[in-house]
Amino acid sequence: MSTVARIDGDLRVTGSLQVDGTMPSYARSNLTQDANAAFTVPMALLRVWDALATNLPATGGTDDLGLYGGTFGSASPKVSTGDFKNTSVTRYARFQFQLPAEYEAGQSVTVRLVAGMLTTVASTSCTLDVECYKSDEGSGVGSDLCTTVAQSINSTSFADKDFAITPTGLTAGDILDIRLTIAGVDSATATVVEAAIGSIQVLCDIKG
């Protein structure tokens, strides 16, 4: 007749532990939260903001940011305004992000962009902004969930730019519709003035 051993207190196993029977299951809610887990958004997923079926152009122009592939093996892809010396531009890109199955409802969500100026800063200003809307799965959206105002990227040192998203009502599987905006103003600059985004991540609190 088999017996069940009971251990009251701590158990330390030095070596491997083999379980021949069944292991109890644990609800995701009982797991430890991992804060700000990073989910990278590939550059190739970005689209024309007002024509979502269309890929970004190869160069920035009019009101669209451009997707610059870079030389494979020597330069990574980036999203850029293109050269806007001696002028003013406002250019956009758009993508969708699905909150992962591990996302803990109502917890922190942040859009993190690594951005800056490639060779020369704008003489006046260059800013980066994020707008974020939750799809209602029926062709509608609510209000802009991004609570962070536009941030300056007018520096040749690329840096993290974090944009907080209001998490109230967000759950795993929700689709976020996100638009990125770079606005630059320059005058009397002789060399190329070009802003770029080198990385896009969505950070969120997860369990599992």
N, C-alpha and C. Protein backbone atom coordinates (compact mmCIF):
# COMPACT_ATOMS: atom_id res chain seq x y z
N MET A 1 0.86 -1.19 0.00
CA MET A 1 0.00 0.00 0.00
C MET A 1 0.89 1.24 0.00
N SER A 2 0.61 2.16 -0.93
CA SER A 2 1.41 3.38 -1.02
C SER A 2 1.04 4.33 0.09
N THR A 3 2.01 5.10 0.49
CA THR A 3 1.78 6.11 1.51
C THR A 3 2.19 7.47 0.98
N VAL A 4 1.66 8.50 1.56
CA VAL A 4 1.99 9.87 1.17
C VAL A 4 2.84 10.49 2.26
N ALA A 5 4.04 10.92 1.87
CA ALA A 5 4.93 11.57 2.83
C ALA A 5 4.56 13.04 2.94
N ARG A 6 4.56 13.52 4.14
CA ARG A 6 4.25 14.94 4.37
C ARG A 6 5.46 15.61 5.00
N ILE A 7 5.81 16.75 4.47
CA ILE A 7 6.94 17.50 4.99
C ILE A 7 6.44 18.86 5.46
N ASP A 8 6.60 19.12 6.71
CA ASP A 8 6.24 20.42 7.27
C ASP A 8 7.51 21.25 7.39
N GLY A 9 7.59 22.31 6.62
CA GLY A 9 8.78 23.14 6.62
C GLY A 9 9.45 23.16 5.27
N ASP A 10 10.69 23.60 5.23
CA ASP A 10 11.41 23.76 3.97
C ASP A 10 11.96 22.42 3.49
N LEU A 11 12.10 22.31 2.16
CA LEU A 11 12.69 21.12 1.54
C LEU A 11 13.77 21.58 0.57
N ARG A 12 14.95 21.07 0.72
CA ARG A 12 16.05 21.40 -0.19
C ARG A 12 16.46 20.12 -0.92
N VAL A 13 16.51 20.20 -2.25
CA VAL A 13 16.94 19.06 -3.06
C VAL A 13 18.24 19.43 -3.74
N THR A 14 19.30 18.68 -3.47
CA THR A 14 20.58 18.90 -4.14
C THR A 14 20.68 17.90 -5.28
N GLY A 15 20.58 18.38 -6.50
CA GLY A 15 20.53 17.51 -7.66
C GLY A 15 19.22 17.65 -8.39
N SER A 16 18.87 16.64 -9.17
CA SER A 16 17.64 16.69 -9.98
C SER A 16 16.45 16.17 -9.19
N LEU A 17 15.29 16.73 -9.51
CA LEU A 17 14.04 16.29 -8.92
C LEU A 17 13.19 15.65 -10.00
N GLN A 18 12.82 14.39 -9.84
CA GLN A 18 11.99 13.69 -10.82
C GLN A 18 10.62 13.46 -10.23
N VAL A 19 9.60 13.85 -10.97
CA VAL A 19 8.22 13.67 -10.54
C VAL A 19 7.56 12.65 -11.45
N ASP A 20 7.16 11.49 -10.90
CA ASP A 20 6.54 10.44 -11.69
C ASP A 20 5.02 10.58 -11.76
N GLY A 21 4.47 11.33 -10.83
CA GLY A 21 3.02 11.52 -10.83
C GLY A 21 2.63 12.82 -11.50
N THR A 22 1.53 13.39 -11.10
CA THR A 22 1.04 14.63 -11.70
C THR A 22 1.47 15.82 -10.85
N MET A 23 1.60 16.95 -11.52
CA MET A 23 1.91 18.20 -10.84
C MET A 23 0.66 19.07 -10.79
N PRO A 24 0.43 19.75 -9.68
CA PRO A 24 -0.75 20.62 -9.62
C PRO A 24 -0.60 21.79 -10.58
N SER A 25 -1.71 22.27 -11.13
CA SER A 25 -1.68 23.43 -12.01
C SER A 25 -1.87 24.70 -11.18
N TYR A 26 -1.33 25.79 -11.73
CA TYR A 26 -1.43 27.06 -11.03
C TYR A 26 -2.03 28.11 -11.98
N ALA A 27 -2.98 28.86 -11.49
CA ALA A 27 -3.58 29.92 -12.29
C ALA A 27 -2.53 31.00 -12.56
N ARG A 28 -2.64 31.64 -13.73
CA ARG A 28 -1.69 32.71 -14.06
C ARG A 28 -1.70 33.81 -12.99
N SER A 29 -2.85 34.03 -12.37
CA SER A 29 -2.96 35.09 -11.37
C SER A 29 -2.10 34.82 -10.14
N ASN A 30 -1.70 33.54 -9.95
CA ASN A 30 -0.87 33.19 -8.80
C ASN A 30 0.63 33.33 -9.08
N LEU A 31 0.99 33.64 -10.32
CA LEU A 31 2.39 33.75 -10.68
C LEU A 31 2.95 35.12 -10.29
N THR A 32 4.27 35.20 -10.23
CA THR A 32 4.93 36.46 -9.92
C THR A 32 4.92 37.38 -11.14
N GLN A 33 4.62 38.64 -10.92
CA GLN A 33 4.57 39.60 -12.03
C GLN A 33 5.97 39.97 -12.49
N ASP A 34 6.16 40.01 -13.81
CA ASP A 34 7.37 40.56 -14.40
C ASP A 34 7.02 41.95 -14.92
N ALA A 35 7.62 42.96 -14.33
CA ALA A 35 7.29 44.34 -14.70
C ALA A 35 8.05 44.76 -15.95
N ASN A 36 7.36 45.48 -16.82
CA ASN A 36 7.98 46.10 -18.01
C ASN A 36 8.71 45.10 -18.90
N ALA A 37 8.07 43.96 -19.14
CA ALA A 37 8.62 43.02 -20.12
C ALA A 37 8.57 43.66 -21.49
N ALA A 38 9.65 43.52 -22.26
CA ALA A 38 9.77 44.23 -23.54
C ALA A 38 9.37 43.35 -24.70
N PHE A 39 8.51 43.88 -25.56
CA PHE A 39 8.08 43.21 -26.79
C PHE A 39 8.47 44.13 -27.95
N THR A 40 9.40 43.66 -28.77
CA THR A 40 9.92 44.49 -29.85
C THR A 40 8.99 44.49 -31.06
N VAL A 41 8.81 45.65 -31.66
CA VAL A 41 8.01 45.78 -32.87
C VAL A 41 8.96 45.91 -34.06
N PRO A 42 9.00 44.93 -34.96
CA PRO A 42 9.88 45.03 -36.13
C PRO A 42 9.53 46.23 -37.00
N MET A 43 10.54 46.91 -37.52
CA MET A 43 10.31 48.09 -38.34
C MET A 43 9.44 47.79 -39.56
N ALA A 44 9.57 46.58 -40.10
CA ALA A 44 8.84 46.23 -41.31
C ALA A 44 7.33 46.19 -41.10
N LEU A 45 6.87 46.23 -39.85
CA LEU A 45 5.43 46.20 -39.57
C LEU A 45 4.79 47.58 -39.66
N LEU A 46 5.61 48.63 -39.74
CA LEU A 46 5.05 49.97 -39.78
C LEU A 46 4.41 50.25 -41.15
N ARG A 47 3.32 51.03 -41.12
CA ARG A 47 2.53 51.29 -42.32
C ARG A 47 2.28 52.79 -42.49
N VAL A 48 1.77 53.14 -43.67
CA VAL A 48 1.34 54.52 -43.92
C VAL A 48 0.13 54.82 -43.05
N TRP A 49 0.17 55.90 -42.32
CA TRP A 49 -0.81 56.15 -41.26
C TRP A 49 -2.24 56.27 -41.77
N ASP A 50 -2.43 56.88 -42.95
CA ASP A 50 -3.79 57.07 -43.46
C ASP A 50 -4.09 56.16 -44.65
N ALA A 51 -3.27 55.11 -44.81
CA ALA A 51 -3.50 54.08 -45.84
C ALA A 51 -2.88 52.79 -45.30
N LEU A 52 -3.55 52.21 -44.32
CA LEU A 52 -2.95 51.13 -43.53
C LEU A 52 -2.57 49.91 -44.36
N ALA A 53 -3.18 49.75 -45.52
CA ALA A 53 -2.83 48.62 -46.38
C ALA A 53 -1.50 48.83 -47.10
N THR A 54 -0.89 50.01 -46.92
CA THR A 54 0.31 50.37 -47.67
C THR A 54 1.54 50.38 -46.77
N ASN A 55 2.61 49.74 -47.23
CA ASN A 55 3.88 49.79 -46.51
C ASN A 55 4.44 51.22 -46.51
N LEU A 56 5.28 51.52 -45.53
CA LEU A 56 5.96 52.81 -45.55
C LEU A 56 6.80 52.93 -46.82
N PRO A 57 6.93 54.15 -47.35
CA PRO A 57 7.81 54.34 -48.51
C PRO A 57 9.27 54.14 -48.10
N ALA A 58 10.13 53.98 -49.10
CA ALA A 58 11.56 53.76 -48.84
C ALA A 58 12.26 55.01 -48.35
N THR A 59 11.67 56.17 -48.61
CA THR A 59 12.24 57.43 -48.12
C THR A 59 11.10 58.29 -47.56
N GLY A 60 11.44 59.09 -46.55
CA GLY A 60 10.44 59.97 -45.98
C GLY A 60 10.06 61.09 -46.94
N GLY A 61 8.78 61.45 -46.95
CA GLY A 61 8.33 62.52 -47.83
C GLY A 61 6.88 62.86 -47.57
N THR A 62 6.47 64.04 -47.96
CA THR A 62 5.11 64.54 -47.72
C THR A 62 4.82 64.41 -46.23
N ASP A 63 3.83 63.57 -45.83
CA ASP A 63 3.55 63.42 -44.40
C ASP A 63 3.88 62.02 -43.89
N ASP A 64 4.72 61.29 -44.62
CA ASP A 64 5.05 59.92 -44.24
C ASP A 64 6.52 59.78 -43.85
N LEU A 65 6.76 59.06 -42.76
CA LEU A 65 8.12 58.64 -42.45
C LEU A 65 8.53 57.55 -43.43
N GLY A 66 9.82 57.38 -43.61
CA GLY A 66 10.32 56.37 -44.53
C GLY A 66 10.97 55.21 -43.80
N LEU A 67 10.92 54.03 -44.41
CA LEU A 67 11.57 52.83 -43.87
C LEU A 67 12.87 52.63 -44.63
N TYR A 68 13.99 52.84 -43.94
CA TYR A 68 15.31 52.72 -44.54
C TYR A 68 15.92 51.39 -44.12
N GLY A 69 16.14 50.52 -45.10
CA GLY A 69 16.57 49.16 -44.78
C GLY A 69 17.99 49.06 -44.28
N GLY A 70 18.86 49.95 -44.71
CA GLY A 70 20.26 49.83 -44.35
C GLY A 70 20.92 48.70 -45.12
N THR A 71 22.23 48.70 -45.17
CA THR A 71 22.96 47.64 -45.85
C THR A 71 23.07 46.43 -44.93
N PHE A 72 22.56 45.29 -45.38
CA PHE A 72 22.56 44.09 -44.54
C PHE A 72 23.98 43.75 -44.08
N GLY A 73 24.11 43.52 -42.79
CA GLY A 73 25.41 43.17 -42.24
C GLY A 73 26.22 44.34 -41.76
N SER A 74 25.79 45.56 -42.10
CA SER A 74 26.57 46.72 -41.66
C SER A 74 25.71 47.85 -41.09
N ALA A 75 24.41 47.85 -41.36
CA ALA A 75 23.54 48.90 -40.82
C ALA A 75 22.15 48.32 -40.58
N SER A 76 21.57 48.65 -39.45
CA SER A 76 20.25 48.13 -39.12
C SER A 76 19.16 49.02 -39.70
N PRO A 77 17.95 48.47 -39.91
CA PRO A 77 16.84 49.28 -40.43
C PRO A 77 16.47 50.40 -39.46
N LYS A 78 15.91 51.46 -40.01
CA LYS A 78 15.43 52.58 -39.19
C LYS A 78 14.24 53.22 -39.89
N VAL A 79 13.49 53.97 -39.12
CA VAL A 79 12.41 54.79 -39.66
C VAL A 79 12.85 56.23 -39.55
N SER A 80 12.75 56.98 -40.65
CA SER A 80 13.35 58.31 -40.69
C SER A 80 12.47 59.32 -41.42
N THR A 81 12.71 60.59 -41.07
CA THR A 81 12.04 61.69 -41.76
C THR A 81 12.61 61.92 -43.16
N GLY A 82 13.85 61.49 -43.38
CA GLY A 82 14.59 61.97 -44.53
C GLY A 82 15.12 63.37 -44.22
N ASP A 83 15.86 63.93 -45.13
CA ASP A 83 16.48 65.24 -44.93
C ASP A 83 15.43 66.36 -44.95
N PHE A 84 15.37 67.16 -43.88
CA PHE A 84 14.42 68.28 -43.87
C PHE A 84 15.11 69.60 -43.56
N LYS A 85 16.38 69.72 -43.95
CA LYS A 85 17.08 70.99 -43.69
C LYS A 85 16.37 72.15 -44.37
N ASN A 86 16.35 73.29 -43.67
CA ASN A 86 15.77 74.54 -44.18
C ASN A 86 14.27 74.44 -44.47
N THR A 87 13.58 73.60 -43.71
CA THR A 87 12.13 73.50 -43.89
C THR A 87 11.49 72.98 -42.61
N SER A 88 10.19 72.81 -42.63
CA SER A 88 9.44 72.23 -41.50
C SER A 88 8.67 71.02 -42.00
N VAL A 89 8.67 69.94 -41.21
CA VAL A 89 7.96 68.73 -41.61
C VAL A 89 7.20 68.16 -40.42
N THR A 90 6.13 67.45 -40.73
CA THR A 90 5.42 66.60 -39.76
C THR A 90 5.13 65.29 -40.47
N ARG A 91 5.76 64.21 -40.02
CA ARG A 91 5.67 62.93 -40.73
C ARG A 91 5.31 61.81 -39.76
N TYR A 92 4.54 60.84 -40.28
CA TYR A 92 3.92 59.84 -39.43
C TYR A 92 4.25 58.41 -39.90
N ALA A 93 4.06 57.48 -38.97
CA ALA A 93 4.00 56.05 -39.27
C ALA A 93 3.03 55.43 -38.27
N ARG A 94 2.47 54.30 -38.65
CA ARG A 94 1.41 53.68 -37.84
C ARG A 94 1.62 52.18 -37.77
N PHE A 95 1.28 51.61 -36.61
CA PHE A 95 1.32 50.15 -36.48
C PHE A 95 0.30 49.72 -35.44
N GLN A 96 -0.03 48.43 -35.45
CA GLN A 96 -0.91 47.85 -34.45
C GLN A 96 -0.10 46.92 -33.56
N PHE A 97 -0.49 46.86 -32.30
CA PHE A 97 0.16 45.96 -31.35
C PHE A 97 -0.89 45.25 -30.53
N GLN A 98 -0.76 43.92 -30.46
CA GLN A 98 -1.70 43.13 -29.65
C GLN A 98 -1.07 42.83 -28.30
N LEU A 99 -1.75 43.23 -27.23
CA LEU A 99 -1.25 42.92 -25.89
C LEU A 99 -1.16 41.41 -25.73
N PRO A 100 -0.02 40.91 -25.24
CA PRO A 100 0.22 39.46 -25.22
C PRO A 100 -0.68 38.73 -24.23
N ALA A 101 -0.76 37.42 -24.39
CA ALA A 101 -1.59 36.59 -23.50
C ALA A 101 -1.15 36.71 -22.05
N GLU A 102 0.14 37.00 -21.84
CA GLU A 102 0.68 37.09 -20.48
C GLU A 102 0.38 38.43 -19.79
N TYR A 103 -0.13 39.40 -20.57
CA TYR A 103 -0.35 40.74 -20.01
C TYR A 103 -1.34 40.68 -18.85
N GLU A 104 -0.99 41.37 -17.75
CA GLU A 104 -1.87 41.43 -16.59
C GLU A 104 -2.82 42.62 -16.73
N ALA A 105 -4.10 42.33 -16.76
CA ALA A 105 -5.11 43.34 -17.05
C ALA A 105 -4.96 44.57 -16.17
N GLY A 106 -5.03 45.73 -16.82
CA GLY A 106 -5.01 46.99 -16.10
C GLY A 106 -3.66 47.43 -15.58
N GLN A 107 -2.60 46.70 -15.94
CA GLN A 107 -1.27 47.04 -15.45
C GLN A 107 -0.48 47.84 -16.49
N SER A 108 0.71 48.24 -16.13
CA SER A 108 1.50 49.22 -16.88
C SER A 108 1.74 48.82 -18.34
N VAL A 109 1.59 49.81 -19.23
CA VAL A 109 1.94 49.67 -20.65
C VAL A 109 2.69 50.94 -21.06
N THR A 110 3.83 50.77 -21.73
CA THR A 110 4.65 51.89 -22.16
C THR A 110 5.16 51.63 -23.57
N VAL A 111 5.10 52.65 -24.41
CA VAL A 111 5.74 52.57 -25.73
C VAL A 111 7.11 53.23 -25.60
N ARG A 112 8.16 52.45 -25.89
CA ARG A 112 9.54 52.95 -25.81
C ARG A 112 10.16 53.03 -27.19
N LEU A 113 10.63 54.23 -27.54
CA LEU A 113 11.27 54.46 -28.82
C LEU A 113 12.70 54.93 -28.59
N VAL A 114 13.63 54.38 -29.33
CA VAL A 114 15.00 54.89 -29.32
C VAL A 114 15.14 55.80 -30.54
N ALA A 115 15.41 57.08 -30.30
CA ALA A 115 15.36 58.05 -31.41
C ALA A 115 16.36 59.17 -31.20
N GLY A 116 16.65 59.85 -32.31
CA GLY A 116 17.56 60.99 -32.28
C GLY A 116 17.81 61.51 -33.68
N MET A 117 18.81 62.36 -33.83
CA MET A 117 19.19 62.94 -35.12
C MET A 117 20.43 62.22 -35.64
N LEU A 118 20.44 61.96 -36.95
CA LEU A 118 21.51 61.13 -37.50
C LEU A 118 22.85 61.85 -37.58
N THR A 119 22.91 63.05 -38.08
CA THR A 119 24.20 63.73 -38.23
C THR A 119 24.21 65.14 -37.68
N THR A 120 23.11 65.87 -37.86
CA THR A 120 23.06 67.28 -37.47
C THR A 120 21.73 67.58 -36.82
N VAL A 121 21.73 68.35 -35.75
CA VAL A 121 20.47 68.71 -35.09
C VAL A 121 19.76 69.78 -35.91
N ALA A 122 18.45 69.87 -35.72
CA ALA A 122 17.67 70.92 -36.36
C ALA A 122 17.97 72.25 -35.68
N SER A 123 17.97 73.33 -36.44
CA SER A 123 18.31 74.63 -35.87
C SER A 123 17.27 75.11 -34.87
N THR A 124 16.01 74.66 -35.03
CA THR A 124 14.94 75.11 -34.13
C THR A 124 14.48 74.00 -33.20
N SER A 125 13.92 72.91 -33.76
CA SER A 125 13.38 71.86 -32.90
C SER A 125 13.12 70.59 -33.69
N CYS A 126 13.04 69.48 -32.97
CA CYS A 126 12.57 68.22 -33.53
C CYS A 126 11.99 67.39 -32.39
N THR A 127 10.74 66.97 -32.54
CA THR A 127 10.06 66.25 -31.46
C THR A 127 9.47 64.94 -31.97
N LEU A 128 9.25 64.05 -31.01
CA LEU A 128 8.64 62.75 -31.27
C LEU A 128 7.40 62.62 -30.41
N ASP A 129 6.32 62.12 -31.00
CA ASP A 129 5.07 61.98 -30.26
C ASP A 129 4.44 60.63 -30.57
N VAL A 130 3.60 60.18 -29.63
CA VAL A 130 2.88 58.90 -29.77
C VAL A 130 1.41 59.13 -29.48
N GLU A 131 0.55 58.57 -30.33
CA GLU A 131 -0.88 58.50 -30.06
C GLU A 131 -1.27 57.03 -30.05
N CYS A 132 -2.15 56.66 -29.13
CA CYS A 132 -2.50 55.25 -28.97
C CYS A 132 -4.00 55.11 -28.70
N TYR A 133 -4.66 54.29 -29.51
CA TYR A 133 -6.09 54.05 -29.35
C TYR A 133 -6.35 52.55 -29.25
N LYS A 134 -7.32 52.19 -28.44
CA LYS A 134 -7.73 50.80 -28.31
C LYS A 134 -8.87 50.50 -29.28
N SER A 135 -8.70 49.46 -30.09
CA SER A 135 -9.77 49.04 -30.98
C SER A 135 -10.91 48.42 -30.19
N ASP A 136 -12.16 48.76 -30.57
CA ASP A 136 -13.30 48.15 -29.90
C ASP A 136 -13.77 46.89 -30.63
N GLU A 137 -12.96 46.44 -31.59
CA GLU A 137 -13.22 45.22 -32.37
C GLU A 137 -14.45 45.36 -33.24
N GLY A 138 -14.91 46.59 -33.43
CA GLY A 138 -16.05 46.81 -34.27
C GLY A 138 -15.89 48.05 -35.12
N SER A 139 -14.66 48.37 -35.46
CA SER A 139 -14.28 49.50 -36.32
C SER A 139 -14.25 50.83 -35.59
N GLY A 140 -14.43 50.83 -34.28
CA GLY A 140 -14.39 52.08 -33.53
C GLY A 140 -13.24 52.13 -32.55
N VAL A 141 -12.97 53.31 -32.02
CA VAL A 141 -11.93 53.49 -31.01
C VAL A 141 -12.44 54.47 -29.96
N GLY A 142 -11.73 54.52 -28.83
CA GLY A 142 -12.06 55.49 -27.80
C GLY A 142 -11.17 56.70 -27.90
N SER A 143 -10.72 57.19 -26.77
CA SER A 143 -9.86 58.37 -26.73
C SER A 143 -8.39 57.97 -26.76
N ASP A 144 -7.53 58.95 -27.00
CA ASP A 144 -6.09 58.72 -27.01
C ASP A 144 -5.63 58.29 -25.62
N LEU A 145 -4.97 57.12 -25.54
CA LEU A 145 -4.55 56.57 -24.26
C LEU A 145 -3.15 57.03 -23.85
N CYS A 146 -2.43 57.70 -24.74
CA CYS A 146 -1.08 58.13 -24.40
C CYS A 146 -1.13 59.40 -23.56
N THR A 147 -0.49 59.35 -22.38
CA THR A 147 -0.53 60.48 -21.46
C THR A 147 0.75 61.30 -21.47
N THR A 148 1.73 60.91 -22.28
CA THR A 148 3.01 61.61 -22.34
C THR A 148 3.01 62.58 -23.52
N VAL A 149 3.42 63.79 -23.27
CA VAL A 149 3.46 64.80 -24.34
C VAL A 149 4.66 64.54 -25.25
N ALA A 150 4.66 65.23 -26.39
CA ALA A 150 5.77 65.09 -27.34
C ALA A 150 7.10 65.40 -26.65
N GLN A 151 8.13 64.65 -27.03
CA GLN A 151 9.46 64.80 -26.43
C GLN A 151 10.48 65.20 -27.48
N SER A 152 11.45 66.00 -27.06
CA SER A 152 12.51 66.41 -27.98
C SER A 152 13.44 65.25 -28.29
N ILE A 153 13.77 65.10 -29.57
CA ILE A 153 14.80 64.15 -29.99
C ILE A 153 15.90 64.89 -30.76
N ASN A 154 16.02 66.18 -30.50
CA ASN A 154 16.95 67.04 -31.25
C ASN A 154 18.37 66.91 -30.71
N SER A 155 18.90 65.70 -30.80
CA SER A 155 20.24 65.39 -30.32
C SER A 155 20.81 64.28 -31.18
N THR A 156 22.11 64.32 -31.44
CA THR A 156 22.74 63.25 -32.22
C THR A 156 23.04 62.02 -31.35
N SER A 157 22.77 62.12 -30.06
CA SER A 157 22.89 60.95 -29.18
C SER A 157 21.50 60.30 -29.07
N PHE A 158 21.34 59.14 -29.67
CA PHE A 158 20.06 58.45 -29.61
C PHE A 158 19.76 58.05 -28.16
N ALA A 159 18.49 58.15 -27.76
CA ALA A 159 18.11 57.88 -26.38
C ALA A 159 16.72 57.27 -26.31
N ASP A 160 16.44 56.57 -25.21
CA ASP A 160 15.10 56.02 -24.96
C ASP A 160 14.11 57.16 -24.74
N LYS A 161 12.97 57.08 -25.40
CA LYS A 161 11.87 58.00 -25.17
C LYS A 161 10.64 57.17 -24.81
N ASP A 162 10.20 57.28 -23.56
CA ASP A 162 9.09 56.47 -23.06
C ASP A 162 7.79 57.26 -23.08
N PHE A 163 6.74 56.60 -23.55
CA PHE A 163 5.41 57.19 -23.62
C PHE A 163 4.43 56.28 -22.86
N ALA A 164 3.88 56.80 -21.77
CA ALA A 164 2.98 56.01 -20.92
C ALA A 164 1.60 55.89 -21.55
N ILE A 165 1.04 54.70 -21.45
CA ILE A 165 -0.30 54.41 -21.97
C ILE A 165 -1.24 54.14 -20.80
N THR A 166 -2.39 54.82 -20.78
CA THR A 166 -3.37 54.58 -19.72
C THR A 166 -3.84 53.13 -19.78
N PRO A 167 -3.62 52.32 -18.71
CA PRO A 167 -3.94 50.90 -18.79
C PRO A 167 -5.35 50.54 -18.37
N THR A 168 -6.11 51.50 -17.89
CA THR A 168 -7.46 51.21 -17.40
C THR A 168 -8.30 50.53 -18.48
N GLY A 169 -8.81 49.36 -18.16
CA GLY A 169 -9.67 48.64 -19.11
C GLY A 169 -8.92 47.78 -20.10
N LEU A 170 -7.59 47.83 -20.11
CA LEU A 170 -6.83 47.01 -21.06
C LEU A 170 -6.71 45.58 -20.54
N THR A 171 -6.83 44.62 -21.45
CA THR A 171 -6.69 43.21 -21.12
C THR A 171 -5.89 42.51 -22.21
N ALA A 172 -5.42 41.32 -21.90
CA ALA A 172 -4.67 40.53 -22.87
C ALA A 172 -5.48 40.36 -24.15
N GLY A 173 -4.81 40.49 -25.27
CA GLY A 173 -5.47 40.34 -26.57
C GLY A 173 -5.99 41.62 -27.16
N ASP A 174 -6.06 42.69 -26.38
CA ASP A 174 -6.53 43.97 -26.92
C ASP A 174 -5.59 44.46 -28.02
N ILE A 175 -6.16 45.08 -29.04
CA ILE A 175 -5.38 45.65 -30.15
C ILE A 175 -5.21 47.14 -29.92
N LEU A 176 -3.94 47.59 -29.89
CA LEU A 176 -3.63 49.01 -29.78
C LEU A 176 -3.24 49.53 -31.16
N ASP A 177 -3.86 50.63 -31.55
CA ASP A 177 -3.58 51.28 -32.83
C ASP A 177 -2.72 52.50 -32.53
N ILE A 178 -1.47 52.49 -33.00
CA ILE A 178 -0.48 53.46 -32.54
C ILE A 178 0.08 54.26 -33.72
N ARG A 179 0.10 55.58 -33.57
CA ARG A 179 0.70 56.45 -34.58
C ARG A 179 1.89 57.19 -33.98
N LEU A 180 3.00 57.15 -34.71
CA LEU A 180 4.21 57.87 -34.34
C LEU A 180 4.31 59.14 -35.18
N THR A 181 4.72 60.23 -34.54
CA THR A 181 4.86 61.51 -35.24
C THR A 181 6.22 62.13 -34.94
N ILE A 182 6.93 62.49 -36.00
CA ILE A 182 8.14 63.30 -35.85
C ILE A 182 7.87 64.64 -36.51
N ALA A 183 8.06 65.71 -35.74
CA ALA A 183 7.87 67.07 -36.25
C ALA A 183 9.19 67.83 -36.12
N GLY A 184 9.67 68.36 -37.24
CA GLY A 184 10.94 69.06 -37.23
C GLY A 184 10.84 70.44 -37.85
N VAL A 185 11.59 71.37 -37.29
CA VAL A 185 11.65 72.74 -37.83
C VAL A 185 13.12 73.12 -37.93
N ASP A 186 13.56 73.50 -39.16
CA ASP A 186 14.96 73.86 -39.36
C ASP A 186 15.05 75.03 -40.33
N SER A 187 16.10 75.82 -40.14
CA SER A 187 16.37 76.92 -41.07
C SER A 187 17.87 77.18 -41.13
N ALA A 188 18.33 77.48 -42.32
CA ALA A 188 19.72 77.91 -42.52
C ALA A 188 20.76 76.88 -42.10
N THR A 189 20.44 75.62 -42.26
CA THR A 189 21.43 74.57 -41.98
C THR A 189 21.97 74.04 -43.30
N ALA A 190 23.28 73.93 -43.40
CA ALA A 190 23.89 73.55 -44.69
C ALA A 190 23.95 72.05 -44.90
N THR A 191 24.05 71.28 -43.81
CA THR A 191 24.18 69.83 -43.93
C THR A 191 22.84 69.13 -43.73
N VAL A 192 22.84 67.82 -43.95
CA VAL A 192 21.62 67.02 -43.83
C VAL A 192 21.07 67.07 -42.40
N VAL A 193 19.78 67.33 -42.29
CA VAL A 193 19.09 67.29 -41.00
C VAL A 193 18.04 66.18 -41.08
N GLU A 194 18.25 65.12 -40.33
CA GLU A 194 17.41 63.93 -40.47
C GLU A 194 17.19 63.29 -39.10
N ALA A 195 15.92 63.11 -38.74
CA ALA A 195 15.56 62.44 -37.49
C ALA A 195 15.22 60.99 -37.77
N ALA A 196 15.50 60.12 -36.80
CA ALA A 196 15.25 58.70 -37.03
C ALA A 196 14.86 57.99 -35.74
N ILE A 197 14.12 56.91 -35.93
CA ILE A 197 13.78 55.97 -34.85
C ILE A 197 14.52 54.68 -35.13
N GLY A 198 15.32 54.23 -34.15
CA GLY A 198 16.12 53.04 -34.35
C GLY A 198 15.55 51.79 -33.72
N SER A 199 14.57 51.94 -32.82
CA SER A 199 13.99 50.78 -32.14
C SER A 199 12.63 51.14 -31.60
N ILE A 200 11.71 50.17 -31.64
CA ILE A 200 10.36 50.34 -31.10
C ILE A 200 10.06 49.14 -30.22
N GLN A 201 9.66 49.41 -28.98
CA GLN A 201 9.25 48.35 -28.07
C GLN A 201 7.99 48.77 -27.34
N VAL A 202 7.17 47.78 -26.98
CA VAL A 202 6.07 48.00 -26.07
C VAL A 202 6.41 47.24 -24.79
N LEU A 203 6.46 47.96 -23.68
CA LEU A 203 6.75 47.37 -22.39
C LEU A 203 5.44 47.18 -21.63
N CYS A 204 5.25 46.01 -21.04
CA CYS A 204 4.03 45.80 -20.27
C CYS A 204 4.28 44.80 -19.14
N ASP A 205 3.45 44.88 -18.11
CA ASP A 205 3.56 43.99 -16.96
C ASP A 205 2.87 42.66 -17.29
N ILE A 206 3.60 41.57 -17.09
CA ILE A 206 3.08 40.27 -17.47
C ILE A 206 3.18 39.27 -16.32
N LYS A 207 2.42 38.20 -16.42
CA LYS A 207 2.56 37.05 -15.54
C LYS A 207 2.60 35.80 -16.40
N GLY A 208 3.70 35.06 -16.29
CA GLY A 208 3.83 33.84 -17.08
C GLY A 208 4.67 34.03 -18.30
